[in-house]
Amino acid sequence: MEYEAALNILFRRRIHRPAIVEMAGGFHVFERTTLLGSGGTILEALKSAGMYPPQDVKVIQYSAKGREVIRGKEPICTAQSNNLANRIASALNAYVPNQHGY
């Protein structure tokens, strides 16, 4: 399995700060500094981490349309530029609350 495809699986599963590291003759899947699984190939490491086969988490994604940031059809905010609106939407999509809910 290709590295980029594996990372996309982890992003779709909403893993916070995912990483796939090749070390000591194997591949290791991390969420931040927590080891999720290991294997001889990327696919084996994903299976060990419980991330394969891929399953999408149903989350309404944020997007940018011009300077507007929207979630579904609901407007969230108006940014000062199109670029800033895209960056805000990307940050909101990447956000995963911690155990305290924030």
C-alpha atoms as a PDB file:
ATOM      1  CA  MET A   1       0.000   0.000   0.000  1.00  0.00           C
ATOM      2  CA  GLU A   2       1.230   3.456  -0.863  1.00  0.00           C
ATOM      3  CA  TYR A   3       2.201   5.803   1.982  1.00  0.00           C
ATOM      4  CA  GLU A   4      -0.077   8.663   0.886  1.00  0.00           C
ATOM      5  CA  ALA A   5      -3.111   6.355   0.537  1.00  0.00           C
ATOM      6  CA  ALA A   6      -2.472   4.990   4.029  1.00  0.00           C
ATOM      7  CA  LEU A   7      -2.264   8.498   5.492  1.00  0.00           C
ATOM      8  CA  ASN A   8      -5.555   9.391   3.807  1.00  0.00           C
ATOM      9  CA  ILE A   9      -7.175   6.399   5.534  1.00  0.00           C
ATOM     10  CA  LEU A  10      -5.921   7.700   8.878  1.00  0.00           C
ATOM     11  CA  PHE A  11      -7.170  11.232   8.134  1.00  0.00           C
ATOM     12  CA  ARG A  12     -10.619   9.900   7.204  1.00  0.00           C
ATOM     13  CA  ARG A  13     -10.706   7.995  10.507  1.00  0.00           C
ATOM     14  CA  ARG A  14     -10.055  11.351  12.236  1.00  0.00           C
ATOM     15  CA  ILE A  15      -6.728  10.262  13.764  1.00  0.00           C
ATOM     16  CA  HIS A  16      -5.076  13.326  15.327  1.00  0.00           C
ATOM     17  CA  ARG A  17      -1.589  13.978  13.929  1.00  0.00           C
ATOM     18  CA  PRO A  18      -1.167  10.588  12.203  1.00  0.00           C
ATOM     19  CA  ALA A  19       2.260   9.261  11.252  1.00  0.00           C
ATOM     20  CA  ILE A  20       3.556   6.156   9.528  1.00  0.00           C
ATOM     21  CA  VAL A  21       7.180   5.520  10.445  1.00  0.00           C
ATOM     22  CA  GLU A  22       9.566   2.996   8.896  1.00  0.00           C
ATOM     23  CA  MET A  23      11.944   1.803  11.602  1.00  0.00           C
ATOM     24  CA  ALA A  24      13.730  -1.405  12.622  1.00  0.00           C
ATOM     25  CA  GLY A  25      12.650  -3.277   9.479  1.00  0.00           C
ATOM     26  CA  GLY A  26       8.940  -2.553   9.889  1.00  0.00           C
ATOM     27  CA  PHE A  27       6.262   0.108   9.717  1.00  0.00           C
ATOM     28  CA  HIS A  28       4.605   1.707  12.715  1.00  0.00           C
ATOM     29  CA  VAL A  29       1.359   3.718  12.842  1.00  0.00           C
ATOM     30  CA  PHE A  30       1.206   6.533  15.391  1.00  0.00           C
ATOM     31  CA  GLU A  31      -1.358   9.008  16.656  1.00  0.00           C
ATOM     32  CA  ARG A  32       0.823  11.823  17.936  1.00  0.00           C
ATOM     33  CA  THR A  33       3.231   9.843  20.173  1.00  0.00           C
ATOM     34  CA  THR A  34       0.958   6.839  20.782  1.00  0.00           C
ATOM     35  CA  LEU A  35       1.789   3.652  18.865  1.00  0.00           C
ATOM     36  CA  LEU A  36      -1.397   2.252  17.323  1.00  0.00           C
ATOM     37  CA  GLY A  37       0.051  -0.738  15.465  1.00  0.00           C
ATOM     38  CA  SER A  38       3.075  -2.243  13.719  1.00  0.00           C
ATOM     39  CA  GLY A  39       3.767  -4.609  10.848  1.00  0.00           C
ATOM     40  CA  GLY A  40       6.192  -5.654   8.153  1.00  0.00           C
ATOM     41  CA  THR A  41       4.329  -3.595   5.548  1.00  0.00           C
ATOM     42  CA  ILE A  42       2.203  -0.471   5.718  1.00  0.00           C
ATOM     43  CA  LEU A  43      -0.915  -2.579   5.138  1.00  0.00           C
ATOM     44  CA  GLU A  44      -0.034  -4.948   8.002  1.00  0.00           C
ATOM     45  CA  ALA A  45       0.608  -1.959  10.287  1.00  0.00           C
ATOM     46  CA  LEU A  46      -2.787  -0.460   9.404  1.00  0.00           C
ATOM     47  CA  LYS A  47      -4.506  -3.806  10.046  1.00  0.00           C
ATOM     48  CA  SER A  48      -2.689  -4.120  13.385  1.00  0.00           C
ATOM     49  CA  ALA A  49      -3.871  -0.623  14.330  1.00  0.00           C
ATOM     50  CA  GLY A  50      -7.464  -1.522  13.416  1.00  0.00           C
ATOM     51  CA  MET A  51      -7.536   1.058  10.629  1.00  0.00           C
ATOM     52  CA  TYR A  52      -7.933  -1.332   7.695  1.00  0.00           C
ATOM     53  CA  PRO A  53     -10.263  -1.900   5.907  1.00  0.00           C
ATOM     54  CA  PRO A  54     -11.013   1.830   5.755  1.00  0.00           C
ATOM     55  CA  GLN A  55     -14.199   3.116   7.342  1.00  0.00           C
ATOM     56  CA  ASP A  56     -15.254   6.712   7.054  1.00  0.00           C
ATOM     57  CA  VAL A  57     -16.488   8.488  10.153  1.00  0.00           C
ATOM     58  CA  LYS A  58     -19.684  10.364   9.355  1.00  0.00           C
ATOM     59  CA  VAL A  59     -18.832  14.004  10.032  1.00  0.00           C
ATOM     60  CA  ILE A  60     -20.204  17.057   8.284  1.00  0.00           C
ATOM     61  CA  GLN A  61     -17.150  18.672   6.769  1.00  0.00           C
ATOM     62  CA  TYR A  62     -16.385  22.361   6.788  1.00  0.00           C
ATOM     63  CA  SER A  63     -15.694  23.969   3.431  1.00  0.00           C
ATOM     64  CA  ALA A  64     -14.932  27.375   2.001  1.00  0.00           C
ATOM     65  CA  LYS A  65     -16.866  29.108  -0.736  1.00  0.00           C
ATOM     66  CA  GLY A  66     -15.106  32.329  -1.536  1.00  0.00           C
ATOM     67  CA  ARG A  67     -14.613  34.136   1.768  1.00  0.00           C
ATOM     68  CA  GLU A  68     -17.400  32.177   3.525  1.00  0.00           C
ATOM     69  CA  VAL A  69     -16.694  29.164   5.748  1.00  0.00           C
ATOM     70  CA  ILE A  70     -19.676  26.810   5.817  1.00  0.00           C
ATOM     71  CA  ARG A  71     -20.623  23.536   7.501  1.00  0.00           C
ATOM     72  CA  GLY A  72     -23.143  21.752   5.335  1.00  0.00           C
ATOM     73  CA  LYS A  73     -25.415  24.664   4.420  1.00  0.00           C
ATOM     74  CA  GLU A  74     -24.858  26.597   7.654  1.00  0.00           C
ATOM     75  CA  PRO A  75     -22.585  29.668   7.421  1.00  0.00           C
ATOM     76  CA  ILE A  76     -19.901  29.720  10.110  1.00  0.00           C
ATOM     77  CA  CYS A  77     -17.930  32.884   9.427  1.00  0.00           C
ATOM     78  CA  THR A  78     -16.669  35.290   6.801  1.00  0.00           C
ATOM     79  CA  ALA A  79     -12.897  35.491   6.456  1.00  0.00           C
ATOM     80  CA  GLN A  80     -10.892  38.433   5.164  1.00  0.00           C
ATOM     81  CA  SER A  81      -9.670  36.472   2.119  1.00  0.00           C
ATOM     82  CA  ASN A  82     -10.365  33.286   0.165  1.00  0.00           C
ATOM     83  CA  ASN A  83      -7.044  31.832   1.312  1.00  0.00           C
ATOM     84  CA  LEU A  84      -7.860  32.481   4.967  1.00  0.00           C
ATOM     85  CA  ALA A  85     -11.298  30.875   4.532  1.00  0.00           C
ATOM     86  CA  ASN A  86      -9.646  27.738   3.113  1.00  0.00           C
ATOM     87  CA  ARG A  87      -7.182  27.640   6.011  1.00  0.00           C
ATOM     88  CA  ILE A  88      -9.971  28.025   8.600  1.00  0.00           C
ATOM     89  CA  ALA A  89     -11.990  25.221   6.979  1.00  0.00           C
ATOM     90  CA  SER A  90      -8.933  22.937   6.907  1.00  0.00           C
ATOM     91  CA  ALA A  91      -8.171  23.631  10.569  1.00  0.00           C
ATOM     92  CA  LEU A  92     -11.779  22.943  11.599  1.00  0.00           C
ATOM     93  CA  ASN A  93     -11.786  19.652   9.660  1.00  0.00           C
ATOM     94  CA  ALA A  94      -8.527  18.554  11.296  1.00  0.00           C
ATOM     95  CA  TYR A  95      -9.696  19.417  14.833  1.00  0.00           C
ATOM     96  CA  VAL A  96     -10.426  16.480  17.154  1.00  0.00           C
ATOM     97  CA  PRO A  97     -11.651  17.292  20.696  1.00  0.00           C
ATOM     98  CA  ASN A  98      -9.682  15.840  23.605  1.00  0.00           C
ATOM     99  CA  GLN A  99     -11.158  13.784  26.466  1.00  0.00           C
ATOM    100  CA  HIS A 100     -12.439  16.989  28.089  1.00  0.00           C
ATOM    101  CA  GLY A 101     -14.435  17.975  24.996  1.00  0.00           C
ATOM    102  CA  TYR A 102     -12.302  20.906  23.849  1.00  0.00           C
END
